[in-house]
Amino acid sequence: MFPTIMGTVVIAGIIGYASEKSGFTRNGYVQSIIICVGGAFLFYFVRLMFGIGFGSPGLNAIVSSIGALVIVPTHYRKR
């Protein structure tokens, strides 16, 4: 269980960094990483409680991180 949650955090951090680097989001590096890690944690615990998932923990981390970036509304911020 502990290696799975550590891998989830690492994968989510990489997804957050890559989304900023590629221009998919413009939240800022730290903010995108925090959003991705939060979404991955949420989905990890949903998987533990209810058994809902996409198969492997790595795929769950990737899908939940991207989903969290899409769901969090940042377009309302002032530029």
C-alpha atoms as a PDB file:
ATOM      1  CA  MET A   1       0.000   0.000   0.000  1.00  0.00           C
ATOM      2  CA  PHE A   2       2.762   2.490   0.869  1.00  0.00           C
ATOM      3  CA  PRO A   3       4.724   2.014  -2.399  1.00  0.00           C
ATOM      4  CA  THR A   4       1.490   2.436  -4.344  1.00  0.00           C
ATOM      5  CA  ILE A   5       0.672   5.778  -2.770  1.00  0.00           C
ATOM      6  CA  MET A   6       4.250   7.009  -3.223  1.00  0.00           C
ATOM      7  CA  GLY A   7       4.160   6.005  -6.889  1.00  0.00           C
ATOM      8  CA  THR A   8       0.828   7.767  -7.269  1.00  0.00           C
ATOM      9  CA  VAL A   9       2.296  10.984  -5.879  1.00  0.00           C
ATOM     10  CA  VAL A  10       5.343  10.769  -8.142  1.00  0.00           C
ATOM     11  CA  ILE A  11       3.271  10.087 -11.264  1.00  0.00           C
ATOM     12  CA  ALA A  12       0.864  12.902 -10.397  1.00  0.00           C
ATOM     13  CA  GLY A  13       3.768  15.308  -9.906  1.00  0.00           C
ATOM     14  CA  ILE A  14       5.229  14.373 -13.262  1.00  0.00           C
ATOM     15  CA  ILE A  15       1.856  14.857 -14.960  1.00  0.00           C
ATOM     16  CA  GLY A  16       1.455  18.280 -13.318  1.00  0.00           C
ATOM     17  CA  TYR A  17       4.912  19.381 -14.410  1.00  0.00           C
ATOM     18  CA  ALA A  18       4.458  18.032 -17.940  1.00  0.00           C
ATOM     19  CA  SER A  19       1.094  19.752 -18.341  1.00  0.00           C
ATOM     20  CA  GLU A  20       2.656  23.097 -17.489  1.00  0.00           C
ATOM     21  CA  LYS A  21       5.709  22.483 -19.647  1.00  0.00           C
ATOM     22  CA  SER A  22       3.593  21.512 -22.668  1.00  0.00           C
ATOM     23  CA  GLY A  23       1.176  24.431 -22.301  1.00  0.00           C
ATOM     24  CA  PHE A  24      -1.884  22.294 -21.522  1.00  0.00           C
ATOM     25  CA  THR A  25      -2.475  24.488 -18.461  1.00  0.00           C
ATOM     26  CA  ARG A  26      -1.241  27.889 -17.352  1.00  0.00           C
ATOM     27  CA  ASN A  27      -1.751  27.636 -13.608  1.00  0.00           C
ATOM     28  CA  GLY A  28       1.891  27.690 -12.582  1.00  0.00           C
ATOM     29  CA  TYR A  29       4.118  24.714 -11.863  1.00  0.00           C
ATOM     30  CA  VAL A  30       3.432  24.413  -8.150  1.00  0.00           C
ATOM     31  CA  GLN A  31      -0.305  24.912  -8.528  1.00  0.00           C
ATOM     32  CA  SER A  32      -0.599  22.279 -11.274  1.00  0.00           C
ATOM     33  CA  ILE A  33       1.407  19.772  -9.259  1.00  0.00           C
ATOM     34  CA  ILE A  34      -0.791  20.387  -6.201  1.00  0.00           C
ATOM     35  CA  ILE A  35      -3.973  19.974  -8.273  1.00  0.00           C
ATOM     36  CA  CYS A  36      -2.681  16.713  -9.773  1.00  0.00           C
ATOM     37  CA  VAL A  37      -1.536  15.263  -6.460  1.00  0.00           C
ATOM     38  CA  GLY A  38      -4.865  16.174  -4.846  1.00  0.00           C
ATOM     39  CA  GLY A  39      -6.839  14.510  -7.609  1.00  0.00           C
ATOM     40  CA  ALA A  40      -4.640  11.422  -7.492  1.00  0.00           C
ATOM     41  CA  PHE A  41      -5.019  11.148  -3.700  1.00  0.00           C
ATOM     42  CA  LEU A  42      -8.776  11.482  -3.982  1.00  0.00           C
ATOM     43  CA  PHE A  43      -9.025   8.791  -6.632  1.00  0.00           C
ATOM     44  CA  TYR A  44      -6.593   6.542  -4.729  1.00  0.00           C
ATOM     45  CA  PHE A  45      -8.809   6.617  -1.643  1.00  0.00           C
ATOM     46  CA  VAL A  46     -11.967   6.125  -3.715  1.00  0.00           C
ATOM     47  CA  ARG A  47     -10.286   3.048  -5.171  1.00  0.00           C
ATOM     48  CA  LEU A  48      -9.461   1.764  -1.686  1.00  0.00           C
ATOM     49  CA  MET A  49     -12.964   2.330  -0.346  1.00  0.00           C
ATOM     50  CA  PHE A  50     -15.111   1.275  -3.294  1.00  0.00           C
ATOM     51  CA  GLY A  51     -12.820  -0.669  -5.638  1.00  0.00           C
ATOM     52  CA  ILE A  52     -13.533   1.624  -8.604  1.00  0.00           C
ATOM     53  CA  GLY A  53     -10.597   1.987 -10.970  1.00  0.00           C
ATOM     54  CA  PHE A  54      -9.060   1.443 -14.395  1.00  0.00           C
ATOM     55  CA  GLY A  55      -6.888  -1.551 -13.564  1.00  0.00           C
ATOM     56  CA  SER A  56      -3.335  -0.642 -12.653  1.00  0.00           C
ATOM     57  CA  PRO A  57      -2.511   2.005 -10.030  1.00  0.00           C
ATOM     58  CA  GLY A  58      -0.307   3.864 -12.516  1.00  0.00           C
ATOM     59  CA  LEU A  59      -3.121   4.252 -15.016  1.00  0.00           C
ATOM     60  CA  ASN A  60      -5.406   5.387 -12.197  1.00  0.00           C
ATOM     61  CA  ALA A  61      -2.878   8.071 -11.225  1.00  0.00           C
ATOM     62  CA  ILE A  62      -2.523   9.332 -14.796  1.00  0.00           C
ATOM     63  CA  VAL A  63      -6.257   9.490 -15.493  1.00  0.00           C
ATOM     64  CA  SER A  64      -7.111  11.099 -12.161  1.00  0.00           C
ATOM     65  CA  SER A  65      -4.354  13.717 -12.508  1.00  0.00           C
ATOM     66  CA  ILE A  66      -5.487  14.753 -15.969  1.00  0.00           C
ATOM     67  CA  GLY A  67      -9.099  14.730 -14.801  1.00  0.00           C
ATOM     68  CA  ALA A  68      -8.287  16.995 -11.881  1.00  0.00           C
ATOM     69  CA  LEU A  69      -6.557  19.473 -14.190  1.00  0.00           C
ATOM     70  CA  VAL A  70      -9.561  19.525 -16.494  1.00  0.00           C
ATOM     71  CA  ILE A  71     -12.144  19.861 -13.720  1.00  0.00           C
ATOM     72  CA  VAL A  72     -10.504  22.615 -11.634  1.00  0.00           C
ATOM     73  CA  PRO A  73     -11.750  25.922 -13.050  1.00  0.00           C
ATOM     74  CA  THR A  74      -8.848  28.319 -13.348  1.00  0.00           C
ATOM     75  CA  HIS A  75     -10.179  30.388 -16.234  1.00  0.00           C
ATOM     76  CA  TYR A  76     -12.048  32.654 -13.807  1.00  0.00           C
ATOM     77  CA  ARG A  77      -8.826  34.116 -12.414  1.00  0.00           C
ATOM     78  CA  LYS A  78      -7.779  37.632 -13.294  1.00  0.00           C
ATOM     79  CA  ARG A  79      -4.723  37.765 -15.547  1.00  0.00           C
END
